[in-house]
Amino acid sequence: RQNQIRTVLREKLGTDAQQVGVLLTYTPDE
């Protein structure tokens, strides 16, 4: 999950993606 999020953010934000810290990931059921 983290890899998916990080990949997209790095592709779109470049080095600015480093400003994004922890993004916890959940499914609706979780």
PDB file of all heavy atoms in Angstrom:
ATOM      1  N   ARG A   1       0.840  -1.202   0.000  1.00  0.00           N
ATOM      2  CA  ARG A   1       0.000   0.000   0.000  1.00  0.00           C
ATOM      3  C   ARG A   1       0.876   1.254   0.000  1.00  0.00           C
ATOM      4  O   ARG A   1       0.650   2.182  -0.778  1.00  0.00           O
ATOM      5  CB  ARG A   1      -0.920   0.018   1.224  1.00  0.00           C
ATOM      6  CG  ARG A   1      -1.937  -1.100   1.231  1.00  0.00           C
ATOM      7  CD  ARG A   1      -2.692  -1.103   2.541  1.00  0.00           C
ATOM      8  NE  ARG A   1      -3.582  -2.247   2.650  1.00  0.00           N
ATOM      9  CZ  ARG A   1      -4.469  -2.396   3.612  1.00  0.00           C
ATOM     10  NH1 ARG A   1      -4.599  -1.473   4.560  1.00  0.00           N
ATOM     11  NH2 ARG A   1      -5.244  -3.452   3.640  1.00  0.00           N
ATOM     12  N   GLN A   2       1.866   1.266   0.882  1.00  0.00           N
ATOM     13  CA  GLN A   2       2.768   2.415   0.964  1.00  0.00           C
ATOM     14  C   GLN A   2       3.536   2.610  -0.338  1.00  0.00           C
ATOM     15  O   GLN A   2       3.727   3.740  -0.791  1.00  0.00           O
ATOM     16  CB  GLN A   2       3.746   2.252   2.138  1.00  0.00           C
ATOM     17  CG  GLN A   2       3.106   2.362   3.494  1.00  0.00           C
ATOM     18  CD  GLN A   2       2.498   3.725   3.756  1.00  0.00           C
ATOM     19  OE1 GLN A   2       3.050   4.754   3.377  1.00  0.00           O
ATOM     20  NE2 GLN A   2       1.352   3.737   4.409  1.00  0.00           N
ATOM     21  N   ASN A   3       3.968   1.513  -0.933  1.00  0.00           N
ATOM     22  CA  ASN A   3       4.686   1.615  -2.203  1.00  0.00           C
ATOM     23  C   ASN A   3       3.817   2.229  -3.290  1.00  0.00           C
ATOM     24  O   ASN A   3       4.301   3.042  -4.089  1.00  0.00           O
ATOM     25  CB  ASN A   3       5.210   0.244  -2.641  1.00  0.00           C
ATOM     26  CG  ASN A   3       6.404  -0.208  -1.831  1.00  0.00           C
ATOM     27  OD1 ASN A   3       7.099   0.594  -1.221  1.00  0.00           O
ATOM     28  ND2 ASN A   3       6.643  -1.509  -1.812  1.00  0.00           N
ATOM     29  N   GLN A   4       2.559   1.850  -3.349  1.00  0.00           N
ATOM     30  CA  GLN A   4       1.649   2.436  -4.342  1.00  0.00           C
ATOM     31  C   GLN A   4       1.517   3.939  -4.138  1.00  0.00           C
ATOM     32  O   GLN A   4       1.624   4.715  -5.085  1.00  0.00           O
ATOM     33  CB  GLN A   4       0.261   1.791  -4.262  1.00  0.00           C
ATOM     34  CG  GLN A   4       0.184   0.416  -4.854  1.00  0.00           C
ATOM     35  CD  GLN A   4      -1.246  -0.111  -4.873  1.00  0.00           C
ATOM     36  OE1 GLN A   4      -2.180   0.528  -4.381  1.00  0.00           O
ATOM     37  NE2 GLN A   4      -1.417  -1.287  -5.431  1.00  0.00           N
ATOM     38  N   ILE A   5       1.285   4.336  -2.901  1.00  0.00           N
ATOM     39  CA  ILE A   5       1.118   5.756  -2.582  1.00  0.00           C
ATOM     40  C   ILE A   5       2.400   6.527  -2.900  1.00  0.00           C
ATOM     41  O   ILE A   5       2.378   7.566  -3.569  1.00  0.00           O
ATOM     42  CB  ILE A   5       0.761   5.930  -1.082  1.00  0.00           C
ATOM     43  CG1 ILE A   5      -0.555   5.258  -0.763  1.00  0.00           C
ATOM     44  CG2 ILE A   5       0.814   7.390  -0.654  1.00  0.00           C
ATOM     45  CD1 ILE A   5      -1.772   6.082  -0.919  1.00  0.00           C
ATOM     46  N   ARG A   6       3.516   6.027  -2.419  1.00  0.00           N
ATOM     47  CA  ARG A   6       4.802   6.711  -2.611  1.00  0.00           C
ATOM     48  C   ARG A   6       5.172   6.833  -4.081  1.00  0.00           C
ATOM     49  O   ARG A   6       5.696   7.856  -4.519  1.00  0.00           O
ATOM     50  CB  ARG A   6       5.919   5.984  -1.860  1.00  0.00           C
ATOM     51  CG  ARG A   6       5.759   6.043  -0.376  1.00  0.00           C
ATOM     52  CD  ARG A   6       6.316   7.337   0.148  1.00  0.00           C
ATOM     53  NE  ARG A   6       5.955   7.473   1.551  1.00  0.00           N
ATOM     54  CZ  ARG A   6       5.758   8.608   2.133  1.00  0.00           C
ATOM     55  NH1 ARG A   6       5.858   9.735   1.464  1.00  0.00           N
ATOM     56  NH2 ARG A   6       5.430   8.678   3.397  1.00  0.00           N
ATOM     57  N   THR A   7       4.926   5.780  -4.853  1.00  0.00           N
ATOM     58  CA  THR A   7       5.256   5.812  -6.286  1.00  0.00           C
ATOM     59  C   THR A   7       4.496   6.929  -6.988  1.00  0.00           C
ATOM     60  O   THR A   7       5.071   7.711  -7.747  1.00  0.00           O
ATOM     61  CB  THR A   7       4.946   4.448  -6.940  1.00  0.00           C
ATOM     62  OG1 THR A   7       5.786   3.457  -6.335  1.00  0.00           O
ATOM     63  CG2 THR A   7       5.190   4.488  -8.436  1.00  0.00           C
ATOM     64  N   VAL A   8       3.208   7.020  -6.727  1.00  0.00           N
ATOM     65  CA  VAL A   8       2.386   8.059  -7.361  1.00  0.00           C
ATOM     66  C   VAL A   8       2.846   9.445  -6.937  1.00  0.00           C
ATOM     67  O   VAL A   8       2.996  10.342  -7.776  1.00  0.00           O
ATOM     68  CB  VAL A   8       0.888   7.843  -7.023  1.00  0.00           C
ATOM     69  CG1 VAL A   8       0.064   9.047  -7.403  1.00  0.00           C
ATOM     70  CG2 VAL A   8       0.371   6.595  -7.711  1.00  0.00           C
ATOM     71  N   LEU A   9       3.082   9.630  -5.652  1.00  0.00           N
ATOM     72  CA  LEU A   9       3.496  10.948  -5.170  1.00  0.00           C
ATOM     73  C   LEU A   9       4.859  11.350  -5.729  1.00  0.00           C
ATOM     74  O   LEU A   9       5.057  12.506  -6.119  1.00  0.00           O
ATOM     75  CB  LEU A   9       3.498  10.990  -3.648  1.00  0.00           C
ATOM     76  CG  LEU A   9       2.111  10.921  -3.000  1.00  0.00           C
ATOM     77  CD1 LEU A   9       2.235  10.865  -1.487  1.00  0.00           C
ATOM     78  CD2 LEU A   9       1.227  12.080  -3.438  1.00  0.00           C
ATOM     79  N   ARG A  10       5.799  10.411  -5.810  1.00  0.00           N
ATOM     80  CA  ARG A  10       7.112  10.733  -6.381  1.00  0.00           C
ATOM     81  C   ARG A  10       6.997  11.089  -7.862  1.00  0.00           C
ATOM     82  O   ARG A  10       7.667  12.008  -8.334  1.00  0.00           O
ATOM     83  CB  ARG A  10       8.087   9.570  -6.196  1.00  0.00           C
ATOM     84  CG  ARG A  10       8.757   9.557  -4.841  1.00  0.00           C
ATOM     85  CD  ARG A  10       9.922   8.581  -4.785  1.00  0.00           C
ATOM     86  NE  ARG A  10       9.550   7.223  -5.145  1.00  0.00           N
ATOM     87  CZ  ARG A  10       9.186   6.298  -4.277  1.00  0.00           C
ATOM     88  NH1 ARG A  10       9.134   6.566  -2.995  1.00  0.00           N
ATOM     89  NH2 ARG A  10       8.878   5.085  -4.687  1.00  0.00           N
ATOM     90  N   GLU A  11       6.143  10.350  -8.603  1.00  0.00           N
ATOM     91  CA  GLU A  11       5.971  10.636 -10.029  1.00  0.00           C
ATOM     92  C   GLU A  11       5.398  12.026 -10.253  1.00  0.00           C
ATOM     93  O   GLU A  11       5.794  12.719 -11.184  1.00  0.00           O
ATOM     94  CB  GLU A  11       5.050   9.593 -10.670  1.00  0.00           C
ATOM     95  CG  GLU A  11       5.680   8.244 -10.861  1.00  0.00           C
ATOM     96  CD  GLU A  11       4.686   7.212 -11.380  1.00  0.00           C
ATOM     97  OE1 GLU A  11       3.487   7.536 -11.568  1.00  0.00           O
ATOM     98  OE2 GLU A  11       5.111   6.059 -11.572  1.00  0.00           O
ATOM     99  N   LYS A  12       4.466  12.436  -9.419  1.00  0.00           N
ATOM    100  CA  LYS A  12       3.765  13.701  -9.628  1.00  0.00           C
ATOM    101  C   LYS A  12       4.430  14.887  -8.944  1.00  0.00           C
ATOM    102  O   LYS A  12       4.358  15.999  -9.446  1.00  0.00           O
ATOM    103  CB  LYS A  12       2.316  13.589  -9.143  1.00  0.00           C
ATOM    104  CG  LYS A  12       1.510  12.524  -9.853  1.00  0.00           C
ATOM    105  CD  LYS A  12       1.335  12.848 -11.311  1.00  0.00           C
ATOM    106  CE  LYS A  12       0.465  11.800 -11.987  1.00  0.00           C
ATOM    107  NZ  LYS A  12       0.319  12.062 -13.399  1.00  0.00           N
ATOM    108  N   LEU A  13       5.068  14.659  -7.798  1.00  0.00           N
ATOM    109  CA  LEU A  13       5.630  15.766  -7.029  1.00  0.00           C
ATOM    110  C   LEU A  13       7.145  15.887  -7.127  1.00  0.00           C
ATOM    111  O   LEU A  13       7.706  16.900  -6.713  1.00  0.00           O
ATOM    112  CB  LEU A  13       5.253  15.625  -5.546  1.00  0.00           C
ATOM    113  CG  LEU A  13       3.783  15.758  -5.200  1.00  0.00           C
ATOM    114  CD1 LEU A  13       3.567  15.448  -3.726  1.00  0.00           C
ATOM    115  CD2 LEU A  13       3.263  17.143  -5.544  1.00  0.00           C
ATOM    116  N   GLY A  14       7.794  14.856  -7.614  1.00  0.00           N
ATOM    117  CA  GLY A  14       9.252  14.882  -7.657  1.00  0.00           C
ATOM    118  C   GLY A  14       9.827  14.968  -6.254  1.00  0.00           C
ATOM    119  O   GLY A  14       9.350  14.316  -5.332  1.00  0.00           O
ATOM    120  N   THR A  15      10.815  15.829  -6.071  1.00  0.00           N
ATOM    121  CA  THR A  15      11.470  15.930  -4.766  1.00  0.00           C
ATOM    122  C   THR A  15      10.546  16.494  -3.688  1.00  0.00           C
ATOM    123  O   THR A  15      10.779  16.279  -2.500  1.00  0.00           O
ATOM    124  CB  THR A  15      12.748  16.795  -4.845  1.00  0.00           C
ATOM    125  OG1 THR A  15      12.405  18.083  -5.342  1.00  0.00           O
ATOM    126  CG2 THR A  15      13.784  16.151  -5.756  1.00  0.00           C
ATOM    127  N   ASP A  16       9.487  17.199  -4.080  1.00  0.00           N
ATOM    128  CA  ASP A  16       8.530  17.712  -3.100  1.00  0.00           C
ATOM    129  C   ASP A  16       7.814  16.582  -2.359  1.00  0.00           C
ATOM    130  O   ASP A  16       7.251  16.804  -1.286  1.00  0.00           O
ATOM    131  CB  ASP A  16       7.502  18.625  -3.761  1.00  0.00           C
ATOM    132  CG  ASP A  16       8.089  19.974  -4.131  1.00  0.00           C
ATOM    133  OD1 ASP A  16       9.158  20.337  -3.594  1.00  0.00           O
ATOM    134  OD2 ASP A  16       7.472  20.672  -4.963  1.00  0.00           O
ATOM    135  N   ALA A  17       7.838  15.374  -2.912  1.00  0.00           N
ATOM    136  CA  ALA A  17       7.200  14.230  -2.246  1.00  0.00           C
ATOM    137  C   ALA A  17       7.844  13.955  -0.898  1.00  0.00           C
ATOM    138  O   ALA A  17       7.228  13.327  -0.032  1.00  0.00           O
ATOM    139  CB  ALA A  17       7.265  12.990  -3.131  1.00  0.00           C
ATOM    140  N   GLN A  18       9.056  14.450  -0.684  1.00  0.00           N
ATOM    141  CA  GLN A  18       9.733  14.258   0.595  1.00  0.00           C
ATOM    142  C   GLN A  18       9.016  14.981   1.725  1.00  0.00           C
ATOM    143  O   GLN A  18       9.234  14.666   2.891  1.00  0.00           O
ATOM    144  CB  GLN A  18      11.181  14.727   0.499  1.00  0.00           C
ATOM    145  CG  GLN A  18      12.003  13.898  -0.452  1.00  0.00           C
ATOM    146  CD  GLN A  18      13.393  14.465  -0.680  1.00  0.00           C
ATOM    147  OE1 GLN A  18      13.719  15.542  -0.197  1.00  0.00           O
ATOM    148  NE2 GLN A  18      14.208  13.739  -1.416  1.00  0.00           N
ATOM    149  N   GLN A  19       8.168  15.940   1.399  1.00  0.00           N
ATOM    150  CA  GLN A  19       7.402  16.662   2.416  1.00  0.00           C
ATOM    151  C   GLN A  19       6.273  15.802   3.006  1.00  0.00           C
ATOM    152  O   GLN A  19       5.709  16.138   4.030  1.00  0.00           O
ATOM    153  CB  GLN A  19       6.793  17.940   1.833  1.00  0.00           C
ATOM    154  CG  GLN A  19       7.816  19.026   1.587  1.00  0.00           C
ATOM    155  CD  GLN A  19       8.429  19.496   2.890  1.00  0.00           C
ATOM    156  OE1 GLN A  19       9.540  19.128   3.234  1.00  0.00           O
ATOM    157  NE2 GLN A  19       7.717  20.307   3.634  1.00  0.00           N
ATOM    158  N   VAL A  20       5.946  14.709   2.310  1.00  0.00           N
ATOM    159  CA  VAL A  20       4.866  13.837   2.772  1.00  0.00           C
ATOM    160  C   VAL A  20       5.454  12.811   3.728  1.00  0.00           C
ATOM    161  O   VAL A  20       6.322  12.018   3.367  1.00  0.00           O
ATOM    162  CB  VAL A  20       4.162  13.138   1.592  1.00  0.00           C
ATOM    163  CG1 VAL A  20       3.034  12.250   2.105  1.00  0.00           C
ATOM    164  CG2 VAL A  20       3.633  14.172   0.603  1.00  0.00           C
ATOM    165  N   GLY A  21       4.975  12.863   4.965  1.00  0.00           N
ATOM    166  CA  GLY A  21       5.428  11.922   5.982  1.00  0.00           C
ATOM    167  C   GLY A  21       4.560  10.678   5.985  1.00  0.00           C
ATOM    168  O   GLY A  21       4.268  10.099   4.941  1.00  0.00           O
ATOM    169  N   VAL A  22       4.103  10.317   7.145  1.00  0.00           N
ATOM    170  CA  VAL A  22       3.319   9.098   7.312  1.00  0.00           C
ATOM    171  C   VAL A  22       1.892   9.306   6.804  1.00  0.00           C
ATOM    172  O   VAL A  22       1.207  10.236   7.229  1.00  0.00           O
ATOM    173  CB  VAL A  22       3.284   8.675   8.792  1.00  0.00           C
ATOM    174  CG1 VAL A  22       2.381   7.471   8.992  1.00  0.00           C
ATOM    175  CG2 VAL A  22       4.681   8.388   9.294  1.00  0.00           C
ATOM    176  N   LEU A  23       1.486   8.436   5.892  1.00  0.00           N
ATOM    177  CA  LEU A  23       0.086   8.355   5.475  1.00  0.00           C
ATOM    178  C   LEU A  23      -0.357   6.929   5.774  1.00  0.00           C
ATOM    179  O   LEU A  23       0.030   5.987   5.084  1.00  0.00           O
ATOM    180  CB  LEU A  23      -0.070   8.655   3.973  1.00  0.00           C
ATOM    181  CG  LEU A  23       0.179  10.081   3.534  1.00  0.00           C
ATOM    182  CD1 LEU A  23       0.022  10.202   2.018  1.00  0.00           C
ATOM    183  CD2 LEU A  23      -0.753  11.054   4.232  1.00  0.00           C
ATOM    184  N   LEU A  24      -1.125   6.772   6.830  1.00  0.00           N
ATOM    185  CA  LEU A  24      -1.625   5.454   7.189  1.00  0.00           C
ATOM    186  C   LEU A  24      -2.652   5.021   6.149  1.00  0.00           C
ATOM    187  O   LEU A  24      -3.405   5.847   5.632  1.00  0.00           O
ATOM    188  CB  LEU A  24      -2.244   5.487   8.578  1.00  0.00           C
ATOM    189  CG  LEU A  24      -1.299   5.926   9.697  1.00  0.00           C
ATOM    190  CD1 LEU A  24      -2.066   6.051  11.002  1.00  0.00           C
ATOM    191  CD2 LEU A  24      -0.133   4.977   9.838  1.00  0.00           C
ATOM    192  N   THR A  25      -2.686   3.729   5.848  1.00  0.00           N
ATOM    193  CA  THR A  25      -3.584   3.218   4.815  1.00  0.00           C
ATOM    194  C   THR A  25      -4.544   2.192   5.414  1.00  0.00           C
ATOM    195  O   THR A  25      -4.131   1.319   6.182  1.00  0.00           O
ATOM    196  CB  THR A  25      -2.787   2.566   3.673  1.00  0.00           C
ATOM    197  OG1 THR A  25      -2.003   1.490   4.196  1.00  0.00           O
ATOM    198  CG2 THR A  25      -1.886   3.571   2.982  1.00  0.00           C
ATOM    199  N   TYR A  26      -5.806   2.329   5.040  1.00  0.00           N
ATOM    200  CA  TYR A  26      -6.845   1.424   5.522  1.00  0.00           C
ATOM    201  C   TYR A  26      -7.812   1.096   4.390  1.00  0.00           C
ATOM    202  O   TYR A  26      -8.004   1.905   3.480  1.00  0.00           O
ATOM    203  CB  TYR A  26      -7.677   2.069   6.645  1.00  0.00           C
ATOM    204  CG  TYR A  26      -6.883   2.526   7.824  1.00  0.00           C
ATOM    205  CD1 TYR A  26      -6.573   3.875   8.004  1.00  0.00           C
ATOM    206  CD2 TYR A  26      -6.425   1.621   8.780  1.00  0.00           C
ATOM    207  CE1 TYR A  26      -5.844   4.310   9.097  1.00  0.00           C
ATOM    208  CE2 TYR A  26      -5.693   2.054   9.878  1.00  0.00           C
ATOM    209  CZ  TYR A  26      -5.414   3.391  10.024  1.00  0.00           C
ATOM    210  OH  TYR A  26      -4.679   3.818  11.101  1.00  0.00           O
ATOM    211  N   THR A  27      -8.459  -0.056   4.503  1.00  0.00           N
ATOM    212  CA  THR A  27      -9.626  -0.330   3.679  1.00  0.00           C
ATOM    213  C   THR A  27     -10.833   0.190   4.457  1.00  0.00           C
ATOM    214  O   THR A  27     -10.744   0.396   5.674  1.00  0.00           O
ATOM    215  CB  THR A  27      -9.807  -1.844   3.419  1.00  0.00           C
ATOM    216  OG1 THR A  27     -10.100  -2.487   4.662  1.00  0.00           O
ATOM    217  CG2 THR A  27      -8.587  -2.448   2.755  1.00  0.00           C
ATOM    218  N   PRO A  28     -11.976   0.379   3.794  1.00  0.00           N
ATOM    219  CA  PRO A  28     -13.169   0.801   4.541  1.00  0.00           C
ATOM    220  C   PRO A  28     -13.522  -0.181   5.667  1.00  0.00           C
ATOM    221  O   PRO A  28     -13.909   0.245   6.755  1.00  0.00           O
ATOM    222  CB  PRO A  28     -14.257   0.855   3.469  1.00  0.00           C
ATOM    223  CG  PRO A  28     -13.512   1.150   2.208  1.00  0.00           C
ATOM    224  CD  PRO A  28     -12.207   0.384   2.341  1.00  0.00           C
ATOM    225  N   ASP A  29     -13.370  -1.475   5.421  1.00  0.00           N
ATOM    226  CA  ASP A  29     -13.679  -2.480   6.449  1.00  0.00           C
ATOM    227  C   ASP A  29     -12.746  -2.360   7.644  1.00  0.00           C
ATOM    228  O   ASP A  29     -13.168  -2.499   8.794  1.00  0.00           O
ATOM    229  CB  ASP A  29     -13.628  -3.895   5.873  1.00  0.00           C
ATOM    230  CG  ASP A  29     -14.777  -4.199   4.941  1.00  0.00           C
ATOM    231  OD1 ASP A  29     -15.800  -3.471   4.963  1.00  0.00           O
ATOM    232  OD2 ASP A  29     -14.655  -5.166   4.150  1.00  0.00           O
ATOM    233  N   GLU A  30     -11.461  -2.126   7.384  1.00  0.00           N
ATOM    234  CA  GLU A  30     -10.503  -1.964   8.486  1.00  0.00           C
ATOM    235  C   GLU A  30     -10.832  -0.738   9.317  1.00  0.00           C
ATOM    236  O   GLU A  30     -10.795  -0.799  10.547  1.00  0.00           O
ATOM    237  CB  GLU A  30      -9.087  -1.846   7.925  1.00  0.00           C
ATOM    238  CG  GLU A  30      -8.554  -3.131   7.327  1.00  0.00           C
ATOM    239  CD  GLU A  30      -7.297  -2.941   6.516  1.00  0.00           C
ATOM    240  OE1 GLU A  30      -6.951  -1.780   6.151  1.00  0.00           O
ATOM    241  OE2 GLU A  30      -6.643  -3.956   6.225  1.00  0.00           O
TER     242      GLU A  30
END
